[in-house]
Amino acid sequence: MDVAAIAGVGMQDDLLRLDTISQNIANVLTPGYKKQVVLESAFQVQMQAASAGAHGTQVLASVTPRPLSGSRIDPAAGLLLYTGAPQDVVVEGNGFFEVATPNGVAYTRQGSLHVDVQGRLVGTQNLPIMGAGGEISLANAPFTIAVNGDVEQGGRVVANLKRVSFDSAGELGALGQGLYAQGGARFADSPREENLRIGFQESSNVSSAQEMVKLTETVRHFEALQKIVQGYDDSLEKTIRKLGDF
C-alpha cells in the first residue's frame, strides 16, 4: 500500500471539497441558489472494485482510494421569504423557470421579474424569462402574475410563464449566480405545471454554519495528510542515507 499515494488522493479530495465549500459560502445570500455537494464512492464499492482482480490478503493491499468524481447540486428548496412585491414569484415544488442566456437555455429558481428597456420580461440577471411561446414582450405599463403563471396586462393574458421540472435535478450544471444548465439532468417523464407563490423569494439552501464546520474539518484533514506525506518523505530520506553508508 503506497502511503504517499493514498495521502495524495486524500489531499486532492480536500481541494475539491474546499472549492465546493467556497462556492456555497459565496452564494449564501444568492436567491434560489442550490448548494454543491461532493460525490463520494462508498468504501464498500472501492473494496469490491479492488477485489475484482485480487484474492485473500492481496485485496487489502490493492485498495487505493479513488479521487472524488466531482460535485452535484442539492436541489432541496430554500426558505421562502415574503417580500410582498407582486412581481416576486416562486415555483412551488422543485420546478425551475427557463431563461435565455447568450450561451443558450438555462434554468433558475429566481423569480424577481421586471420589464427591461426592450420590453422583455426578465429576471434577476436581466435575462429573458421564457413563456410557453418564447420570450415575453410587455408594454411599458403595470402587469400582474397569477398563481397559474399567467402574465396579465391591460386586462388580458399576455403569456404564461414556462416552468420546467426534472427527475434528476441534482445533475444540473451550475453556471453561477443561481443559473443552471441542463447538464446530465433528465426532464420529468410526467411534467406538471406547478403553481406559483406570489410575493415571495426563495433563499439559498446553504447553511453558513454547516459550511463553516465543513471548512474547518476539511482544512484540518488536509493538514493531517500533509504531515503524513512529510513524515513519509523524512523516513524515506533517512533510509536512503543509511543505505548509502554501506
C-alpha atoms as a PDB file:
ATOM      1  CA  MET A   1       0.000   0.000   0.000  1.00  0.00           C
ATOM      2  CA  ASP A   2       1.546   3.326  -1.121  1.00  0.00           C
ATOM      3  CA  VAL A   3       1.024   5.678   1.822  1.00  0.00           C
ATOM      4  CA  ALA A   4       2.118   8.741  -0.147  1.00  0.00           C
ATOM      5  CA  ALA A   5      -0.302   7.932  -2.995  1.00  0.00           C
ATOM      6  CA  ILE A   6      -3.220   7.467  -0.601  1.00  0.00           C
ATOM      7  CA  ALA A   7      -2.414  10.754   1.154  1.00  0.00           C
ATOM      8  CA  GLY A   8      -2.097  12.488  -2.216  1.00  0.00           C
ATOM      9  CA  VAL A   9      -5.559  11.308  -3.277  1.00  0.00           C
ATOM     10  CA  GLY A  10      -6.971  12.485   0.034  1.00  0.00           C
ATOM     11  CA  MET A  11      -5.422  15.927  -0.409  1.00  0.00           C
ATOM     12  CA  GLN A  12      -6.886  16.203  -3.921  1.00  0.00           C
ATOM     13  CA  ASP A  13     -10.286  15.328  -2.486  1.00  0.00           C
ATOM     14  CA  ASP A  14      -9.888  18.009   0.171  1.00  0.00           C
ATOM     15  CA  LEU A  15      -9.121  20.618  -2.503  1.00  0.00           C
ATOM     16  CA  LEU A  16     -12.348  19.701  -4.299  1.00  0.00           C
ATOM     17  CA  ARG A  17     -14.260  19.953  -1.024  1.00  0.00           C
ATOM     18  CA  LEU A  18     -12.722  23.373  -0.356  1.00  0.00           C
ATOM     19  CA  ASP A  19     -13.795  24.541  -3.807  1.00  0.00           C
ATOM     20  CA  THR A  20     -17.418  23.490  -3.281  1.00  0.00           C
ATOM     21  CA  ILE A  21     -17.484  24.957   0.230  1.00  0.00           C
ATOM     22  CA  SER A  22     -16.115  28.293  -1.015  1.00  0.00           C
ATOM     23  CA  GLN A  23     -18.771  28.367  -3.765  1.00  0.00           C
ATOM     24  CA  ASN A  24     -21.502  27.683  -1.228  1.00  0.00           C
ATOM     25  CA  ILE A  25     -20.313  30.307   1.254  1.00  0.00           C
ATOM     26  CA  ALA A  26     -20.006  32.900  -1.520  1.00  0.00           C
ATOM     27  CA  ASN A  27     -23.641  32.281  -2.507  1.00  0.00           C
ATOM     28  CA  VAL A  28     -25.293  32.160   0.915  1.00  0.00           C
ATOM     29  CA  LEU A  29     -27.307  35.275   0.018  1.00  0.00           C
ATOM     30  CA  THR A  30     -27.934  34.399  -3.653  1.00  0.00           C
ATOM     31  CA  PRO A  31     -31.702  33.846  -4.126  1.00  0.00           C
ATOM     32  CA  GLY A  32     -32.576  30.387  -5.429  1.00  0.00           C
ATOM     33  CA  TYR A  33     -29.005  29.095  -5.159  1.00  0.00           C
ATOM     34  CA  LYS A  34     -28.603  25.326  -4.638  1.00  0.00           C
ATOM     35  CA  LYS A  35     -25.604  24.237  -2.609  1.00  0.00           C
ATOM     36  CA  GLN A  36     -22.993  21.980  -4.161  1.00  0.00           C
ATOM     37  CA  VAL A  37     -22.040  18.664  -2.587  1.00  0.00           C
ATOM     38  CA  VAL A  38     -19.110  16.416  -3.491  1.00  0.00           C
ATOM     39  CA  LEU A  39     -19.645  12.949  -4.942  1.00  0.00           C
ATOM     40  CA  GLU A  40     -18.033  10.163  -2.945  1.00  0.00           C
ATOM     41  CA  SER A  41     -17.930   6.429  -3.629  1.00  0.00           C
ATOM     42  CA  ALA A  42     -18.649   4.185  -0.648  1.00  0.00           C
ATOM     43  CA  PHE A  43     -15.729   2.236   0.834  1.00  0.00           C
ATOM     44  CA  GLN A  44     -17.606  -0.998   0.066  1.00  0.00           C
ATOM     45  CA  VAL A  45     -17.677  -0.054  -3.623  1.00  0.00           C
ATOM     46  CA  GLN A  46     -13.930   0.559  -3.587  1.00  0.00           C
ATOM     47  CA  MET A  47     -13.359  -2.803  -1.903  1.00  0.00           C
ATOM     48  CA  GLN A  48     -15.458  -4.602  -4.494  1.00  0.00           C
ATOM     49  CA  ALA A  49     -13.588  -2.912  -7.317  1.00  0.00           C
ATOM     50  CA  ALA A  50     -10.254  -3.855  -5.776  1.00  0.00           C
ATOM     51  CA  SER A  51     -11.283  -7.465  -5.172  1.00  0.00           C
ATOM     52  CA  ALA A  52     -12.236  -7.935  -8.830  1.00  0.00           C
ATOM     53  CA  GLY A  53      -8.621  -8.823  -9.618  1.00  0.00           C
ATOM     54  CA  ALA A  54      -7.279  -9.790  -6.204  1.00  0.00           C
ATOM     55  CA  HIS A  55      -7.806 -12.545  -3.669  1.00  0.00           C
ATOM     56  CA  GLY A  56      -7.276 -13.093   0.036  1.00  0.00           C
ATOM     57  CA  THR A  57      -4.968 -10.705   1.800  1.00  0.00           C
ATOM     58  CA  GLN A  58      -3.959  -9.131  -1.519  1.00  0.00           C
ATOM     59  CA  VAL A  59      -7.287  -7.309  -1.585  1.00  0.00           C
ATOM     60  CA  LEU A  60      -6.407  -5.008   1.286  1.00  0.00           C
ATOM     61  CA  ALA A  61      -3.004  -4.283  -0.180  1.00  0.00           C
ATOM     62  CA  SER A  62      -4.519  -3.321  -3.520  1.00  0.00           C
ATOM     63  CA  VAL A  63      -7.127  -0.917  -2.158  1.00  0.00           C
ATOM     64  CA  THR A  64      -6.267   2.660  -3.030  1.00  0.00           C
ATOM     65  CA  PRO A  65      -8.877   5.368  -2.503  1.00  0.00           C
ATOM     66  CA  ARG A  66     -10.193   6.825  -5.724  1.00  0.00           C
ATOM     67  CA  PRO A  67     -10.369  10.597  -6.181  1.00  0.00           C
ATOM     68  CA  LEU A  68     -13.778  12.172  -5.814  1.00  0.00           C
ATOM     69  CA  SER A  69     -15.523  12.230  -9.166  1.00  0.00           C
ATOM     70  CA  GLY A  70     -16.841  15.783  -8.883  1.00  0.00           C
ATOM     71  CA  SER A  71     -19.790  17.583  -7.393  1.00  0.00           C
ATOM     72  CA  ARG A  72     -23.530  17.921  -7.864  1.00  0.00           C
ATOM     73  CA  ILE A  73     -26.166  20.263  -6.566  1.00  0.00           C
ATOM     74  CA  ASP A  74     -28.571  19.681  -3.713  1.00  0.00           C
ATOM     75  CA  PRO A  75     -31.973  20.530  -5.285  1.00  0.00           C
ATOM     76  CA  ALA A  76     -33.740  20.913  -1.938  1.00  0.00           C
ATOM     77  CA  ALA A  77     -35.846  24.061  -1.741  1.00  0.00           C
ATOM     78  CA  GLY A  78     -34.658  27.002   0.335  1.00  0.00           C
ATOM     79  CA  LEU A  79     -36.761  29.022   2.734  1.00  0.00           C
ATOM     80  CA  LEU A  80     -39.448  31.248   1.242  1.00  0.00           C
ATOM     81  CA  LEU A  81     -39.041  34.893   2.181  1.00  0.00           C
ATOM     82  CA  TYR A  82     -42.069  37.162   2.000  1.00  0.00           C
ATOM     83  CA  THR A  83     -41.418  40.391   0.076  1.00  0.00           C
ATOM     84  CA  GLY A  84     -44.958  41.472  -0.736  1.00  0.00           C
ATOM     85  CA  ALA A  85     -43.853  42.571  -4.222  1.00  0.00           C
ATOM     86  CA  PRO A  86     -46.373  41.317  -6.846  1.00  0.00           C
ATOM     87  CA  GLN A  87     -43.544  40.659  -9.330  1.00  0.00           C
ATOM     88  CA  ASP A  88     -41.679  38.354  -6.932  1.00  0.00           C
ATOM     89  CA  VAL A  89     -42.709  34.762  -7.624  1.00  0.00           C
ATOM     90  CA  VAL A  90     -41.524  31.295  -6.613  1.00  0.00           C
ATOM     91  CA  VAL A  91     -42.336  27.987  -8.276  1.00  0.00           C
ATOM     92  CA  GLU A  92     -43.975  25.672  -5.765  1.00  0.00           C
ATOM     93  CA  GLY A  93     -42.273  22.288  -5.553  1.00  0.00           C
ATOM     94  CA  ASN A  94     -38.971  21.741  -7.385  1.00  0.00           C
ATOM     95  CA  GLY A  95     -39.720  23.362 -10.738  1.00  0.00           C
ATOM     96  CA  PHE A  96     -37.488  25.903 -12.484  1.00  0.00           C
ATOM     97  CA  PHE A  97     -38.066  28.905 -14.711  1.00  0.00           C
ATOM     98  CA  GLU A  98     -36.484  28.743 -18.160  1.00  0.00           C
ATOM     99  CA  VAL A  99     -34.363  31.706 -19.209  1.00  0.00           C
ATOM    100  CA  ALA A 100     -32.452  32.640 -22.357  1.00  0.00           C
ATOM    101  CA  THR A 101     -28.747  33.394 -21.989  1.00  0.00           C
ATOM    102  CA  PRO A 102     -26.160  34.393 -24.623  1.00  0.00           C
ATOM    103  CA  ASN A 103     -24.876  30.799 -24.422  1.00  0.00           C
ATOM    104  CA  GLY A 104     -28.227  29.050 -24.668  1.00  0.00           C
ATOM    105  CA  VAL A 105     -31.075  27.978 -22.427  1.00  0.00           C
ATOM    106  CA  ALA A 106     -30.608  27.938 -18.646  1.00  0.00           C
ATOM    107  CA  TYR A 107     -32.819  27.317 -15.631  1.00  0.00           C
ATOM    108  CA  THR A 108     -33.294  29.222 -12.396  1.00  0.00           C
ATOM    109  CA  ARG A 109     -35.412  29.408  -9.251  1.00  0.00           C
ATOM    110  CA  GLN A 110     -35.056  33.186  -9.131  1.00  0.00           C
ATOM    111  CA  GLY A 111     -38.343  34.929  -9.801  1.00  0.00           C
ATOM    112  CA  SER A 112     -37.831  38.638  -9.228  1.00  0.00           C
ATOM    113  CA  LEU A 113     -39.324  39.846 -12.523  1.00  0.00           C
ATOM    114  CA  HIS A 114     -39.389  43.201 -14.289  1.00  0.00           C
ATOM    115  CA  VAL A 115     -39.523  44.667 -17.796  1.00  0.00           C
ATOM    116  CA  ASP A 116     -36.249  45.768 -19.406  1.00  0.00           C
ATOM    117  CA  VAL A 117     -35.721  48.669 -21.829  1.00  0.00           C
ATOM    118  CA  GLN A 118     -36.503  46.365 -24.764  1.00  0.00           C
ATOM    119  CA  GLY A 119     -39.894  45.499 -23.325  1.00  0.00           C
ATOM    120  CA  ARG A 120     -38.939  41.937 -22.404  1.00  0.00           C
ATOM    121  CA  LEU A 121     -39.928  40.257 -19.163  1.00  0.00           C
ATOM    122  CA  VAL A 122     -36.615  39.497 -17.468  1.00  0.00           C
ATOM    123  CA  GLY A 123     -35.362  38.098 -14.162  1.00  0.00           C
ATOM    124  CA  THR A 124     -32.686  38.976 -11.632  1.00  0.00           C
ATOM    125  CA  GLN A 125     -29.807  38.680 -14.099  1.00  0.00           C
ATOM    126  CA  ASN A 126     -31.692  40.721 -16.755  1.00  0.00           C
ATOM    127  CA  LEU A 127     -32.126  37.547 -18.793  1.00  0.00           C
ATOM    128  CA  PRO A 128     -35.430  36.953 -20.643  1.00  0.00           C
ATOM    129  CA  ILE A 129     -37.870  34.688 -18.816  1.00  0.00           C
ATOM    130  CA  MET A 130     -39.408  32.211 -21.231  1.00  0.00           C
ATOM    131  CA  GLY A 131     -43.115  31.773 -21.701  1.00  0.00           C
ATOM    132  CA  ALA A 132     -44.883  28.887 -23.380  1.00  0.00           C
ATOM    133  CA  GLY A 133     -44.335  30.626 -26.736  1.00  0.00           C
ATOM    134  CA  GLY A 134     -40.834  32.031 -26.164  1.00  0.00           C
ATOM    135  CA  GLU A 135     -39.762  35.460 -24.922  1.00  0.00           C
ATOM    136  CA  ILE A 136     -42.472  37.562 -23.274  1.00  0.00           C
ATOM    137  CA  SER A 137     -42.884  41.124 -24.529  1.00  0.00           C
ATOM    138  CA  LEU A 138     -44.834  43.654 -22.475  1.00  0.00           C
ATOM    139  CA  ALA A 139     -45.835  47.279 -22.837  1.00  0.00           C
ATOM    140  CA  ASN A 140     -44.491  49.964 -20.530  1.00  0.00           C
ATOM    141  CA  ALA A 141     -47.374  49.518 -18.090  1.00  0.00           C
ATOM    142  CA  PRO A 142     -48.080  47.637 -14.842  1.00  0.00           C
ATOM    143  CA  PHE A 143     -48.510  43.880 -15.110  1.00  0.00           C
ATOM    144  CA  THR A 144     -49.540  41.103 -12.747  1.00  0.00           C
ATOM    145  CA  ILE A 145     -48.738  37.410 -12.441  1.00  0.00           C
ATOM    146  CA  ALA A 146     -51.360  34.839 -11.449  1.00  0.00           C
ATOM    147  CA  VAL A 147     -50.712  31.703  -9.402  1.00  0.00           C
ATOM    148  CA  ASN A 148     -51.103  29.579 -12.551  1.00  0.00           C
ATOM    149  CA  GLY A 149     -48.299  31.518 -14.268  1.00  0.00           C
ATOM    150  CA  ASP A 150     -50.457  33.776 -16.437  1.00  0.00           C
ATOM    151  CA  VAL A 151     -48.899  37.180 -17.122  1.00  0.00           C
ATOM    152  CA  GLU A 152     -51.678  39.728 -17.348  1.00  0.00           C
ATOM    153  CA  GLN A 153     -51.500  43.284 -18.598  1.00  0.00           C
ATOM    154  CA  GLY A 154     -54.264  45.669 -19.564  1.00  0.00           C
ATOM    155  CA  GLY A 155     -56.964  43.214 -18.533  1.00  0.00           C
ATOM    156  CA  ARG A 156     -55.788  40.395 -20.791  1.00  0.00           C
ATOM    157  CA  VAL A 157     -53.477  37.390 -20.541  1.00  0.00           C
ATOM    158  CA  VAL A 158     -50.290  38.117 -22.491  1.00  0.00           C
ATOM    159  CA  ALA A 159     -48.362  34.890 -21.809  1.00  0.00           C
ATOM    160  CA  ASN A 160     -47.846  32.035 -19.377  1.00  0.00           C
ATOM    161  CA  LEU A 161     -44.540  31.557 -17.554  1.00  0.00           C
ATOM    162  CA  LYS A 162     -42.800  28.355 -18.608  1.00  0.00           C
ATOM    163  CA  ARG A 163     -41.917  26.029 -15.753  1.00  0.00           C
ATOM    164  CA  VAL A 164     -39.645  23.008 -16.134  1.00  0.00           C
ATOM    165  CA  SER A 165     -39.202  20.059 -13.780  1.00  0.00           C
ATOM    166  CA  PHE A 166     -36.503  17.389 -13.662  1.00  0.00           C
ATOM    167  CA  ASP A 167     -36.425  13.806 -12.406  1.00  0.00           C
ATOM    168  CA  SER A 168     -32.739  14.221 -11.518  1.00  0.00           C
ATOM    169  CA  ALA A 169     -32.329  17.902 -10.673  1.00  0.00           C
ATOM    170  CA  GLY A 170     -29.108  17.131  -8.800  1.00  0.00           C
ATOM    171  CA  GLU A 171     -27.399  16.597 -12.162  1.00  0.00           C
ATOM    172  CA  LEU A 172     -27.982  20.183 -13.279  1.00  0.00           C
ATOM    173  CA  GLY A 173     -24.775  22.015 -14.092  1.00  0.00           C
ATOM    174  CA  ALA A 174     -24.085  25.131 -12.017  1.00  0.00           C
ATOM    175  CA  LEU A 175     -23.417  28.242 -14.118  1.00  0.00           C
ATOM    176  CA  GLY A 176     -23.164  30.663 -11.210  1.00  0.00           C
ATOM    177  CA  GLN A 177     -25.475  33.337  -9.774  1.00  0.00           C
ATOM    178  CA  GLY A 178     -28.345  30.894  -9.375  1.00  0.00           C
ATOM    179  CA  LEU A 179     -28.369  29.752 -13.021  1.00  0.00           C
ATOM    180  CA  TYR A 180     -28.143  26.109 -14.102  1.00  0.00           C
ATOM    181  CA  ALA A 181     -27.595  24.268 -17.381  1.00  0.00           C
ATOM    182  CA  GLN A 182     -29.378  21.002 -18.061  1.00  0.00           C
ATOM    183  CA  GLY A 183     -26.146  19.011 -17.783  1.00  0.00           C
ATOM    184  CA  GLY A 184     -26.962  15.371 -17.064  1.00  0.00           C
ATOM    185  CA  ALA A 185     -30.423  16.108 -15.638  1.00  0.00           C
ATOM    186  CA  ARG A 186     -33.435  14.395 -17.205  1.00  0.00           C
ATOM    187  CA  PHE A 187     -36.685  16.209 -17.816  1.00  0.00           C
ATOM    188  CA  ALA A 188     -39.567  14.820 -15.772  1.00  0.00           C
ATOM    189  CA  ASP A 189     -41.405  11.979 -17.505  1.00  0.00           C
ATOM    190  CA  SER A 190     -44.716  13.376 -16.299  1.00  0.00           C
ATOM    191  CA  PRO A 191     -44.238  17.144 -16.061  1.00  0.00           C
ATOM    192  CA  ARG A 192     -46.947  19.247 -14.476  1.00  0.00           C
ATOM    193  CA  GLU A 193     -47.449  22.987 -14.391  1.00  0.00           C
ATOM    194  CA  GLU A 194     -46.715  23.829 -10.774  1.00  0.00           C
ATOM    195  CA  ASN A 195     -48.395  26.878  -9.272  1.00  0.00           C
ATOM    196  CA  LEU A 196     -46.558  29.979  -8.150  1.00  0.00           C
ATOM    197  CA  ARG A 197     -46.282  31.720  -4.787  1.00  0.00           C
ATOM    198  CA  ILE A 198     -46.787  35.421  -5.361  1.00  0.00           C
ATOM    199  CA  GLY A 199     -44.905  37.970  -3.255  1.00  0.00           C
ATOM    200  CA  PHE A 200     -42.150  35.562  -2.189  1.00  0.00           C
ATOM    201  CA  GLN A 201     -38.496  34.922  -2.998  1.00  0.00           C
ATOM    202  CA  GLU A 202     -36.670  31.666  -2.337  1.00  0.00           C
ATOM    203  CA  SER A 203     -33.470  31.967  -0.352  1.00  0.00           C
ATOM    204  CA  SER A 204     -30.345  29.885  -0.860  1.00  0.00           C
ATOM    205  CA  ASN A 205     -30.481  26.401   0.700  1.00  0.00           C
ATOM    206  CA  VAL A 206     -26.952  26.863   2.067  1.00  0.00           C
ATOM    207  CA  SER A 207     -26.420  26.835   5.837  1.00  0.00           C
ATOM    208  CA  SER A 208     -23.439  29.073   6.578  1.00  0.00           C
ATOM    209  CA  ALA A 209     -22.903  27.380   9.957  1.00  0.00           C
ATOM    210  CA  GLN A 210     -22.732  23.916   8.387  1.00  0.00           C
ATOM    211  CA  GLU A 211     -20.380  25.127   5.667  1.00  0.00           C
ATOM    212  CA  MET A 212     -18.018  26.676   8.223  1.00  0.00           C
ATOM    213  CA  VAL A 213     -17.916  23.391  10.137  1.00  0.00           C
ATOM    214  CA  LYS A 214     -17.120  21.543   6.890  1.00  0.00           C
ATOM    215  CA  LEU A 215     -14.435  24.100   6.110  1.00  0.00           C
ATOM    216  CA  THR A 216     -12.733  23.569   9.472  1.00  0.00           C
ATOM    217  CA  GLU A 217     -12.916  19.770   9.155  1.00  0.00           C
ATOM    218  CA  THR A 218     -11.519  19.816   5.619  1.00  0.00           C
ATOM    219  CA  VAL A 219      -8.619  22.137   6.456  1.00  0.00           C
ATOM    220  CA  ARG A 220      -7.629  20.003   9.453  1.00  0.00           C
ATOM    221  CA  HIS A 221      -7.874  16.818   7.395  1.00  0.00           C
ATOM    222  CA  PHE A 222      -5.668  18.354   4.689  1.00  0.00           C
ATOM    223  CA  GLU A 223      -3.080  19.414   7.285  1.00  0.00           C
ATOM    224  CA  ALA A 224      -3.047  15.915   8.795  1.00  0.00           C
ATOM    225  CA  LEU A 225      -2.430  14.323   5.390  1.00  0.00           C
ATOM    226  CA  GLN A 226       0.275  16.876   4.686  1.00  0.00           C
ATOM    227  CA  LYS A 227       2.071  15.813   7.880  1.00  0.00           C
ATOM    228  CA  ILE A 228       1.795  12.163   6.812  1.00  0.00           C
ATOM    229  CA  VAL A 229       3.460  12.943   3.484  1.00  0.00           C
ATOM    230  CA  GLN A 230       6.204  14.937   5.200  1.00  0.00           C
ATOM    231  CA  GLY A 231       6.805  12.109   7.689  1.00  0.00           C
ATOM    232  CA  TYR A 232       6.924   9.564   4.861  1.00  0.00           C
ATOM    233  CA  ASP A 233       9.453  11.699   2.967  1.00  0.00           C
ATOM    234  CA  ASP A 234      11.623  12.104   6.061  1.00  0.00           C
ATOM    235  CA  SER A 235      11.563   8.351   6.692  1.00  0.00           C
ATOM    236  CA  LEU A 236      12.458   7.626   3.067  1.00  0.00           C
ATOM    237  CA  GLU A 237      15.299  10.145   3.166  1.00  0.00           C
ATOM    238  CA  LYS A 238      16.766   8.535   6.308  1.00  0.00           C
ATOM    239  CA  THR A 239      16.511   5.090   4.730  1.00  0.00           C
ATOM    240  CA  ILE A 240      18.381   6.221   1.618  1.00  0.00           C
ATOM    241  CA  ARG A 241      21.120   7.837   3.726  1.00  0.00           C
ATOM    242  CA  LYS A 242      21.624   4.633   5.738  1.00  0.00           C
ATOM    243  CA  LEU A 243      21.814   2.575   2.549  1.00  0.00           C
ATOM    244  CA  GLY A 244      24.453   4.976   1.284  1.00  0.00           C
ATOM    245  CA  ASP A 245      26.614   4.283   4.343  1.00  0.00           C
ATOM    246  CA  PHE A 246      27.106   0.622   3.362  1.00  0.00           C
END
